[in-house]
Amino acid sequence: MKKRMTEQQEFEIMKLVLDKFLWLGFIIMGYGVWKMISEAAVSAGIYHLITGIVVLVLFSVIIVREYEVLR
């Protein structure tokens, strides 16, 4: 028999998952900044920054949308 999670438990799990994706996005953005500073490769750094922003926004939207569907 499956046990249902409470709304608070679902929210806590969602926060844990979202936190991991936020770290991933910030790591990608940090790599872009490091690449711009260390190699003076501004265009490559900008691409990594944009990729990090896309990852942050995409996963935030997906997780919020899934959380709303589950409610």
N, C-alpha and C. Protein backbone atom coordinates (compact mmCIF):
# COMPACT_ATOMS: atom_id res chain seq x y z
N MET A 1 0.83 -1.17 0.00
CA MET A 1 0.00 0.00 0.00
C MET A 1 0.89 1.25 0.00
N LYS A 2 0.63 2.15 -0.93
CA LYS A 2 1.41 3.37 -1.04
C LYS A 2 0.93 4.41 -0.04
N LYS A 3 1.90 5.08 0.53
CA LYS A 3 1.56 6.17 1.44
C LYS A 3 1.63 7.48 0.67
N ARG A 4 0.68 8.33 0.89
CA ARG A 4 0.66 9.65 0.26
C ARG A 4 1.51 10.61 1.09
N MET A 5 2.24 11.46 0.40
CA MET A 5 3.03 12.47 1.10
C MET A 5 2.14 13.67 1.43
N THR A 6 2.48 14.32 2.49
CA THR A 6 1.76 15.54 2.82
C THR A 6 2.25 16.66 1.89
N GLU A 7 1.50 17.73 1.85
CA GLU A 7 1.88 18.86 1.01
C GLU A 7 3.23 19.43 1.43
N GLN A 8 3.48 19.44 2.72
CA GLN A 8 4.76 19.96 3.23
C GLN A 8 5.92 19.06 2.78
N GLN A 9 5.73 17.75 2.80
CA GLN A 9 6.78 16.83 2.35
C GLN A 9 7.06 17.00 0.86
N GLU A 10 6.01 17.15 0.06
CA GLU A 10 6.20 17.37 -1.37
C GLU A 10 6.98 18.66 -1.62
N PHE A 11 6.63 19.70 -0.87
CA PHE A 11 7.31 20.98 -1.03
C PHE A 11 8.78 20.87 -0.64
N GLU A 12 9.09 20.16 0.41
CA GLU A 12 10.49 19.98 0.84
C GLU A 12 11.29 19.24 -0.23
N ILE A 13 10.71 18.22 -0.83
CA ILE A 13 11.40 17.47 -1.89
C ILE A 13 11.61 18.37 -3.10
N MET A 14 10.60 19.16 -3.46
CA MET A 14 10.73 20.08 -4.58
C MET A 14 11.86 21.08 -4.33
N LYS A 15 11.98 21.57 -3.10
CA LYS A 15 13.05 22.51 -2.77
C LYS A 15 14.42 21.86 -2.93
N LEU A 16 14.55 20.61 -2.51
CA LEU A 16 15.83 19.91 -2.64
C LEU A 16 16.22 19.74 -4.10
N VAL A 17 15.26 19.35 -4.92
CA VAL A 17 15.54 19.15 -6.35
C VAL A 17 15.87 20.48 -7.01
N LEU A 18 15.09 21.50 -6.73
CA LEU A 18 15.32 22.82 -7.32
C LEU A 18 16.69 23.35 -6.92
N ASP A 19 17.09 23.12 -5.70
CA ASP A 19 18.39 23.57 -5.22
C ASP A 19 19.52 22.98 -6.05
N LYS A 20 19.42 21.72 -6.40
CA LYS A 20 20.47 21.07 -7.20
C LYS A 20 20.56 21.69 -8.59
N PHE A 21 19.42 21.96 -9.21
CA PHE A 21 19.44 22.57 -10.54
C PHE A 21 19.93 24.01 -10.49
N LEU A 22 19.63 24.71 -9.41
CA LEU A 22 20.15 26.07 -9.27
C LEU A 22 21.67 26.05 -9.15
N TRP A 23 22.20 25.10 -8.40
CA TRP A 23 23.65 24.97 -8.30
C TRP A 23 24.26 24.68 -9.67
N LEU A 24 23.62 23.81 -10.44
CA LEU A 24 24.13 23.48 -11.77
C LEU A 24 24.18 24.73 -12.65
N GLY A 25 23.11 25.51 -12.63
CA GLY A 25 23.08 26.74 -13.43
C GLY A 25 24.15 27.73 -13.01
N PHE A 26 24.33 27.89 -11.70
CA PHE A 26 25.34 28.83 -11.22
C PHE A 26 26.76 28.34 -11.51
N ILE A 27 26.98 27.04 -11.48
CA ILE A 27 28.30 26.50 -11.82
C ILE A 27 28.62 26.78 -13.29
N ILE A 28 27.64 26.59 -14.16
CA ILE A 28 27.85 26.88 -15.59
C ILE A 28 28.15 28.36 -15.78
N MET A 29 27.39 29.21 -15.10
CA MET A 29 27.63 30.65 -15.21
C MET A 29 28.99 31.04 -14.65
N GLY A 30 29.38 30.44 -13.53
CA GLY A 30 30.69 30.70 -12.95
C GLY A 30 31.82 30.28 -13.87
N TYR A 31 31.64 29.15 -14.55
CA TYR A 31 32.63 28.69 -15.52
C TYR A 31 32.77 29.70 -16.65
N GLY A 32 31.65 30.27 -17.08
CA GLY A 32 31.69 31.29 -18.13
C GLY A 32 32.46 32.53 -17.68
N VAL A 33 32.23 32.96 -16.45
CA VAL A 33 32.95 34.13 -15.93
C VAL A 33 34.44 33.81 -15.82
N TRP A 34 34.76 32.62 -15.32
CA TRP A 34 36.16 32.21 -15.20
C TRP A 34 36.83 32.18 -16.58
N LYS A 35 36.11 31.68 -17.58
CA LYS A 35 36.65 31.59 -18.93
C LYS A 35 36.90 32.99 -19.50
N MET A 36 35.99 33.92 -19.22
CA MET A 36 36.19 35.29 -19.70
C MET A 36 37.40 35.94 -19.05
N ILE A 37 37.59 35.69 -17.76
CA ILE A 37 38.69 36.33 -17.04
C ILE A 37 40.03 35.68 -17.37
N SER A 38 40.08 34.36 -17.34
CA SER A 38 41.37 33.67 -17.48
C SER A 38 41.88 33.62 -18.91
N GLU A 39 41.01 33.42 -19.86
CA GLU A 39 41.46 33.25 -21.24
C GLU A 39 41.14 34.46 -22.11
N ALA A 40 40.50 35.45 -21.55
CA ALA A 40 40.07 36.62 -22.30
C ALA A 40 39.19 36.22 -23.49
N ALA A 41 38.49 35.11 -23.34
CA ALA A 41 37.58 34.63 -24.38
C ALA A 41 36.18 35.11 -24.03
N VAL A 42 35.91 36.35 -24.38
CA VAL A 42 34.65 36.97 -23.98
C VAL A 42 33.46 36.26 -24.62
N SER A 43 33.55 35.94 -25.89
CA SER A 43 32.40 35.32 -26.56
C SER A 43 32.09 33.93 -25.98
N ALA A 44 33.11 33.15 -25.70
CA ALA A 44 32.89 31.83 -25.11
C ALA A 44 32.31 31.96 -23.71
N GLY A 45 32.79 32.93 -22.96
CA GLY A 45 32.26 33.17 -21.61
C GLY A 45 30.82 33.60 -21.64
N ILE A 46 30.48 34.47 -22.59
CA ILE A 46 29.09 34.93 -22.72
C ILE A 46 28.18 33.75 -23.05
N TYR A 47 28.64 32.86 -23.92
CA TYR A 47 27.83 31.68 -24.27
C TYR A 47 27.56 30.82 -23.04
N HIS A 48 28.56 30.65 -22.20
CA HIS A 48 28.37 29.87 -20.98
C HIS A 48 27.44 30.58 -20.00
N LEU A 49 27.56 31.89 -19.91
CA LEU A 49 26.64 32.65 -19.05
C LEU A 49 25.20 32.49 -19.52
N ILE A 50 25.00 32.62 -20.82
CA ILE A 50 23.64 32.47 -21.38
C ILE A 50 23.13 31.06 -21.16
N THR A 51 24.00 30.06 -21.34
CA THR A 51 23.59 28.67 -21.10
C THR A 51 23.19 28.47 -19.65
N GLY A 52 23.94 29.03 -18.72
CA GLY A 52 23.60 28.92 -17.30
C GLY A 52 22.26 29.57 -16.99
N ILE A 53 22.01 30.72 -17.59
CA ILE A 53 20.73 31.40 -17.38
C ILE A 53 19.58 30.57 -17.93
N VAL A 54 19.78 29.99 -19.11
CA VAL A 54 18.74 29.14 -19.71
C VAL A 54 18.46 27.93 -18.83
N VAL A 55 19.51 27.31 -18.30
CA VAL A 55 19.33 26.16 -17.41
C VAL A 55 18.54 26.56 -16.17
N LEU A 56 18.89 27.68 -15.57
CA LEU A 56 18.18 28.15 -14.38
C LEU A 56 16.70 28.38 -14.67
N VAL A 57 16.42 29.11 -15.73
CA VAL A 57 15.03 29.44 -16.05
C VAL A 57 14.25 28.20 -16.45
N LEU A 58 14.84 27.37 -17.30
CA LEU A 58 14.15 26.17 -17.80
C LEU A 58 13.77 25.23 -16.67
N PHE A 59 14.71 24.89 -15.83
CA PHE A 59 14.40 23.96 -14.75
C PHE A 59 13.50 24.57 -13.69
N SER A 60 13.62 25.87 -13.46
CA SER A 60 12.70 26.51 -12.52
C SER A 60 11.27 26.44 -13.03
N VAL A 61 11.08 26.71 -14.31
CA VAL A 61 9.73 26.65 -14.91
C VAL A 61 9.20 25.23 -14.87
N ILE A 62 10.03 24.26 -15.23
CA ILE A 62 9.58 22.86 -15.24
C ILE A 62 9.17 22.41 -13.85
N ILE A 63 9.98 22.71 -12.85
CA ILE A 63 9.68 22.24 -11.50
C ILE A 63 8.45 22.93 -10.95
N VAL A 64 8.31 24.23 -11.17
CA VAL A 64 7.12 24.93 -10.69
C VAL A 64 5.87 24.41 -11.38
N ARG A 65 5.96 24.16 -12.68
CA ARG A 65 4.82 23.63 -13.43
C ARG A 65 4.44 22.24 -12.92
N GLU A 66 5.41 21.38 -12.67
CA GLU A 66 5.13 20.05 -12.16
C GLU A 66 4.53 20.11 -10.76
N TYR A 67 5.02 21.03 -9.95
CA TYR A 67 4.49 21.16 -8.59
C TYR A 67 3.03 21.61 -8.64
N GLU A 68 2.70 22.51 -9.57
CA GLU A 68 1.32 22.97 -9.70
C GLU A 68 0.41 21.85 -10.19
N VAL A 69 0.92 20.99 -11.09
CA VAL A 69 0.12 19.87 -11.61
C VAL A 69 -0.15 18.88 -10.49
N LEU A 70 0.84 18.60 -9.65
CA LEU A 70 0.67 17.63 -8.57
C LEU A 70 -0.31 18.11 -7.51
N ARG A 71 -0.42 19.40 -7.33
CA ARG A 71 -1.33 19.93 -6.32
C ARG A 71 -2.72 19.61 -6.77
